[in-house]
C-alpha cells in the first residue's frame, strides 16, 4: 500500500492560530512520485483544495526539486485563507521556499532552516555548460524573490546567505526575518540587546563557505619570510682577497 506524505487532521475547534485543518508535510519534494512518499504538487493541490478555512502546515523536509517547490509555494500564496507554517525539525533548500508562503512562519526552538544556491547536473560542451550556468543564475533570482518578500532583506544580503549555504536556528531565522515566531516560547523575553558594531554575518549560525575557507587557511602553508642577503661587488671582493694574500 502506498504511503502518502501528508496527513490531514480536522480540528474540532480552531487552534490558537485559528486553523481549521492541519497538514504534516514530510519528505523530499519531487515533481513525480517514485516510492509513494514524495511531496508532489499535483497530490498536494488536490489535498489543499479538498476543504476550506485556515490551515496549519507543519514542515519537515530536506528539500528537493525547486520547480515542484515553486508550484507548492504558489498554491499556498494563492490560497484564500490564512496559512500558518510551523517548521518542525528541518526546512532546507527547496522546502525553505515553501515555508516562505506562510502568512505566519513559526519555528520550533530545535528546528533548522537552510538556504543555498540551486544546483544541477549538466553534460556537454562549453556552450551547454554556459547554458546550465545561466539557467542556475535565473533560478537563483526566482528563489530570492520568495526570500525577499518574506524577510524584507536586500537581495545582496540574501545572495550572500545563499552563496555561503547558511544554516539558521530559530533565533537566527527570526532575526533575519525568515520566521515570525519561535514555538513554545510563551512568556519568554526573546528580545536581546543589539550591538550596532556587530557585523551582519554574525547572525549566521553556520556557513559552509566560511568553514571551508577557515580549513583551507590552516592547510595551506604560510610563506616563509624572505631572507635578505647582502651583495658585494666583484671589484670590492677582489680587493679584499688581494689584501688577504699579502
Protein backbone atom coordinates (compact mmCIF):
# COMPACT_ATOMS: atom_id res chain seq x y z
CA UNK A 1 0.00 0.00 0.00
CA UNK A 2 1.38 3.40 -0.97
CA UNK A 3 2.23 5.66 1.97
CA UNK A 4 1.16 9.25 1.43
CA UNK A 5 3.42 12.06 2.54
CA UNK A 6 0.59 14.07 4.06
CA UNK A 7 -1.77 13.62 6.94
CA UNK A 8 -4.70 15.99 7.20
CA UNK A 9 -6.42 16.30 10.54
CA UNK A 10 -9.55 18.32 11.04
CA UNK A 11 -9.63 20.30 14.26
CA UNK A 12 -12.94 20.13 16.13
CA UNK A 13 -12.30 23.70 17.27
CA UNK A 14 -9.85 26.14 15.69
CA UNK A 15 -6.46 26.09 17.40
CA UNK A 16 -4.59 29.10 18.77
CA UNK A 17 -3.62 30.00 15.20
CA UNK A 18 -7.26 29.88 14.05
CA UNK A 19 -6.65 26.86 11.83
CA UNK A 20 -9.45 24.55 10.77
CA UNK A 21 -7.14 21.91 9.27
CA UNK A 22 -3.61 20.72 9.94
CA UNK A 23 -1.22 19.27 7.37
CA UNK A 24 2.01 17.44 8.17
CA UNK A 25 4.37 17.70 5.20
CA UNK A 26 7.32 15.30 5.50
CA UNK A 27 9.85 14.00 2.98
CA UNK A 28 11.53 15.05 -0.22
CA UNK A 29 9.88 17.37 -2.74
CA UNK A 30 9.55 15.96 -6.26
CA UNK A 31 7.65 16.63 -9.48
CA UNK A 32 6.60 12.97 -9.63
CA UNK A 33 6.37 10.06 -7.24
CA UNK A 34 8.66 7.03 -7.28
CA UNK A 35 8.23 5.44 -3.87
CA UNK A 36 4.88 6.93 -2.94
CA UNK A 37 6.13 9.14 -0.13
CA UNK A 38 7.42 12.13 -2.13
CA UNK A 39 5.77 15.54 -1.86
CA UNK A 40 4.32 16.19 -5.33
CA UNK A 41 2.50 19.35 -6.49
CA UNK A 42 -0.49 17.54 -8.03
CA UNK A 43 -1.34 15.50 -4.94
CA UNK A 44 -0.68 18.49 -2.70
CA UNK A 45 -3.07 20.59 -4.79
CA UNK A 46 -5.84 18.00 -4.52
CA UNK A 47 -5.49 17.84 -0.76
CA UNK A 48 -5.17 21.60 -0.29
CA UNK A 49 -8.36 22.30 -2.25
CA UNK A 50 -10.34 19.45 -0.68
CA UNK A 51 -11.53 21.79 2.08
CA UNK A 52 -11.81 25.39 3.14
CA UNK A 53 -10.64 27.52 6.02
CA UNK A 54 -7.38 28.42 7.68
CA UNK A 55 -4.68 25.74 7.72
CA UNK A 56 -1.56 24.94 9.71
CA UNK A 57 1.27 23.39 7.69
CA UNK A 58 3.99 21.51 9.59
CA UNK A 59 7.16 21.15 7.50
CA UNK A 60 9.98 18.65 7.97
CA UNK A 61 11.80 18.26 4.66
CA UNK A 62 15.37 18.30 3.31
CA UNK A 63 14.14 19.90 0.09
CA UNK A 64 14.20 18.53 -3.44
CA UNK A 65 13.02 19.73 -6.82
CA UNK A 66 12.97 23.52 -6.89
CA UNK A 67 10.30 23.74 -9.60
CA UNK A 68 7.95 21.42 -7.70
CA UNK A 69 8.55 23.54 -4.61
CA UNK A 70 7.74 26.67 -6.61
CA UNK A 71 4.38 25.18 -7.60
CA UNK A 72 3.50 24.38 -3.99
CA UNK A 73 4.68 27.84 -2.91
CA UNK A 74 2.34 29.42 -5.47
CA UNK A 75 -0.60 27.26 -4.33
CA UNK A 76 -0.15 28.38 -0.75
CA UNK A 77 0.31 32.03 -1.71
CA UNK A 78 -2.88 31.86 -3.76
CA UNK A 79 -4.84 30.02 -1.05
CA UNK A 80 -7.66 32.39 0.05
CA UNK A 81 -7.30 31.63 3.77
CA UNK A 82 -4.61 32.02 6.41
CA UNK A 83 -1.63 29.66 6.16
CA UNK A 84 0.39 29.16 9.33
CA UNK A 85 3.69 27.38 8.66
CA UNK A 86 5.34 25.54 11.53
CA UNK A 87 8.85 24.22 10.89
CA UNK A 88 9.04 21.01 12.85
CA UNK A 89 12.67 19.94 12.52
CA UNK A 90 14.03 20.96 9.12
CA UNK A 91 13.10 23.22 6.22
CA UNK A 92 16.11 23.05 3.93
CA UNK A 93 16.76 24.02 0.33
CA UNK A 94 13.52 23.91 -1.69
CA UNK A 95 11.48 23.27 1.49
CA UNK A 96 12.60 26.66 2.82
CA UNK A 97 10.98 28.23 -0.26
CA UNK A 98 7.65 26.58 0.56
CA UNK A 99 7.93 27.82 4.15
CA UNK A 100 8.10 31.41 2.91
CA UNK A 101 4.46 31.13 1.71
CA UNK A 102 3.18 31.16 5.27
CA UNK A 103 1.11 34.09 6.43
CA UNK A 104 2.93 33.42 9.66
CA UNK A 105 6.08 31.28 9.91
CA UNK A 106 6.88 29.67 13.24
CA UNK A 107 9.91 27.55 14.08
CA UNK A 108 10.46 25.02 16.80
CA UNK A 109 13.36 26.06 19.04
CA UNK A 110 15.15 22.90 17.90
CA UNK A 111 14.39 23.33 14.17
CA UNK A 112 16.75 24.40 11.41
CA UNK A 113 16.26 26.39 8.21
CA UNK A 114 18.79 26.26 5.37
CA UNK A 115 19.19 28.37 2.24
CA UNK A 116 21.70 27.75 -0.55
CA UNK A 117 22.29 28.16 -4.27
CA UNK A 118 20.45 25.86 -6.70
CA UNK A 119 22.44 23.01 -8.25
CA UNK A 120 22.09 20.74 -11.27
CA UNK A 121 23.95 18.15 -13.33
CA UNK A 122 25.00 19.14 -16.86
CA UNK A 123 26.71 17.21 -19.66
CA UNK A 124 28.08 18.65 -22.89
CA UNK A 125 30.47 21.15 -24.36
CA UNK A 126 31.31 24.64 -23.12
CA UNK A 127 28.13 26.08 -24.63
CA UNK A 128 25.99 23.57 -22.78
CA UNK A 129 27.85 24.34 -19.55
CA UNK A 130 27.23 28.05 -20.05
CA UNK A 131 23.53 27.39 -20.61
CA UNK A 132 23.42 25.49 -17.33
CA UNK A 133 25.18 28.35 -15.53
CA UNK A 134 22.76 30.89 -16.98
CA UNK A 135 19.79 28.72 -16.01
CA UNK A 136 21.02 28.35 -12.42
CA UNK A 137 21.51 32.11 -12.18
CA UNK A 138 17.89 32.70 -13.21
CA UNK A 139 16.62 30.02 -10.82
CA UNK A 140 18.54 31.69 -8.00
CA UNK A 141 16.91 35.03 -8.84
CA UNK A 142 13.46 33.43 -8.68
CA UNK A 143 14.20 31.81 -5.31
CA UNK A 144 15.46 35.11 -3.96
CA UNK A 145 12.07 36.64 -4.77
CA UNK A 146 10.37 34.40 -2.20
CA UNK A 147 13.01 35.11 0.46
CA UNK A 148 12.86 38.85 -0.24
CA UNK A 149 9.07 39.05 0.03
CA UNK A 150 9.08 37.28 3.39
CA UNK A 151 12.22 38.61 5.08
CA UNK A 152 12.50 42.11 3.63
CA UNK A 153 16.26 41.65 3.37
CA UNK A 154 18.20 43.16 0.48
CA UNK A 155 18.84 40.91 -2.50
CA UNK A 156 22.57 41.35 -1.98
CA UNK A 157 22.29 40.05 1.59
CA UNK A 158 20.09 37.13 0.53
CA UNK A 159 22.51 36.27 -2.27
CA UNK A 160 25.43 36.14 0.16
CA UNK A 161 23.45 33.90 2.52
CA UNK A 162 22.72 31.51 -0.36
CA UNK A 163 26.33 31.59 -1.60
CA UNK A 164 27.53 30.57 1.84
CA UNK A 165 24.92 27.78 2.28
CA UNK A 166 23.63 29.21 5.53
CA UNK A 167 22.01 27.12 8.27
CA UNK A 168 19.91 29.04 10.78
CA UNK A 169 18.35 28.04 14.07
CA UNK A 170 15.02 29.51 15.11
CA UNK A 171 16.53 32.56 16.78
CA UNK A 172 18.72 33.49 13.82
CA UNK A 173 15.90 32.88 11.32
CA UNK A 174 13.65 35.17 13.32
CA UNK A 175 16.32 37.89 13.47
CA UNK A 176 16.79 37.73 9.72
CA UNK A 177 13.05 37.78 9.00
CA UNK A 178 12.67 34.25 7.65
CA UNK A 179 10.49 33.35 10.65
CA UNK A 180 7.98 35.34 12.67
CA UNK A 181 7.76 33.41 15.94
CA UNK A 182 9.53 30.73 17.94
CA UNK A 183 7.21 27.97 19.10
CA UNK A 184 6.79 27.15 22.80
CA UNK A 185 8.40 30.47 23.78
CA UNK A 186 5.33 31.94 25.52
CA UNK A 187 6.21 34.21 28.39
CA UNK A 188 9.90 34.35 27.48
CA UNK A 189 11.61 37.59 26.58
CA UNK A 190 13.07 36.98 23.13
CA UNK A 191 14.44 40.49 22.76
CA UNK A 192 18.17 40.92 23.01
CA UNK A 193 20.39 43.94 23.00
CA UNK A 194 21.59 44.70 19.53
CA UNK A 195 25.21 45.62 19.10
CA UNK A 196 25.40 48.25 16.35
CA UNK A 197 29.06 47.41 15.76
CA UNK A 198 28.31 43.72 15.28
CA UNK A 199 28.58 42.67 11.61
CA UNK A 200 25.54 41.20 9.86
CA UNK A 201 27.35 37.95 9.18
CA UNK A 202 27.45 37.25 12.93
CA UNK A 203 23.77 36.33 12.65
CA UNK A 204 24.65 33.23 10.65
CA UNK A 205 24.54 30.03 12.60
CA UNK A 206 26.71 28.08 10.18
CA UNK A 207 28.26 28.99 6.85
CA UNK A 208 29.78 26.15 4.84
CA UNK A 209 31.88 28.59 2.82
CA UNK A 210 33.25 30.23 5.96
CA UNK A 211 34.19 26.85 7.43
CA UNK A 212 35.81 25.72 4.17
CA UNK A 213 37.83 28.93 3.89
CA UNK A 214 38.95 28.58 7.50
CA UNK A 215 40.11 24.98 6.96
CA UNK A 216 41.95 25.88 3.75
CA UNK A 217 43.76 28.70 5.51
CA UNK A 218 45.10 26.15 8.01
CA UNK A 219 46.08 23.61 5.36
CA UNK A 220 47.93 25.99 3.05
CA UNK A 221 51.45 26.52 4.47
CA UNK A 222 52.41 30.06 5.27
CA UNK A 223 55.08 31.64 3.11
CA UNK A 224 58.47 31.75 4.74
CA UNK A 225 59.84 35.23 5.28
CA UNK A 226 62.34 36.27 2.65
CA UNK A 227 65.96 36.27 3.82
CA UNK A 228 67.71 39.43 2.81
CA UNK A 229 71.25 38.83 1.55
CA UNK A 230 73.97 41.39 1.36
CA UNK A 231 75.62 41.71 -2.06
CA UNK A 232 79.26 42.61 -2.64
CA UNK A 233 80.62 43.95 -5.88
CA UNK A 234 83.20 41.78 -7.67
CA UNK A 235 85.81 44.57 -7.65
CA UNK A 236 85.48 45.02 -3.88
CA UNK A 237 85.71 41.27 -3.35
CA UNK A 238 88.89 41.01 -5.44
CA UNK A 239 90.37 43.93 -3.49
CA UNK A 240 89.68 42.17 -0.18
CA UNK A 241 91.16 38.93 -1.45
CA UNK A 242 94.31 40.72 -2.60
CA UNK A 243 94.76 42.19 0.88
CA UNK A 244 94.48 38.73 2.42
CA UNK A 245 97.16 37.32 0.13
CA UNK A 246 99.78 39.83 1.26
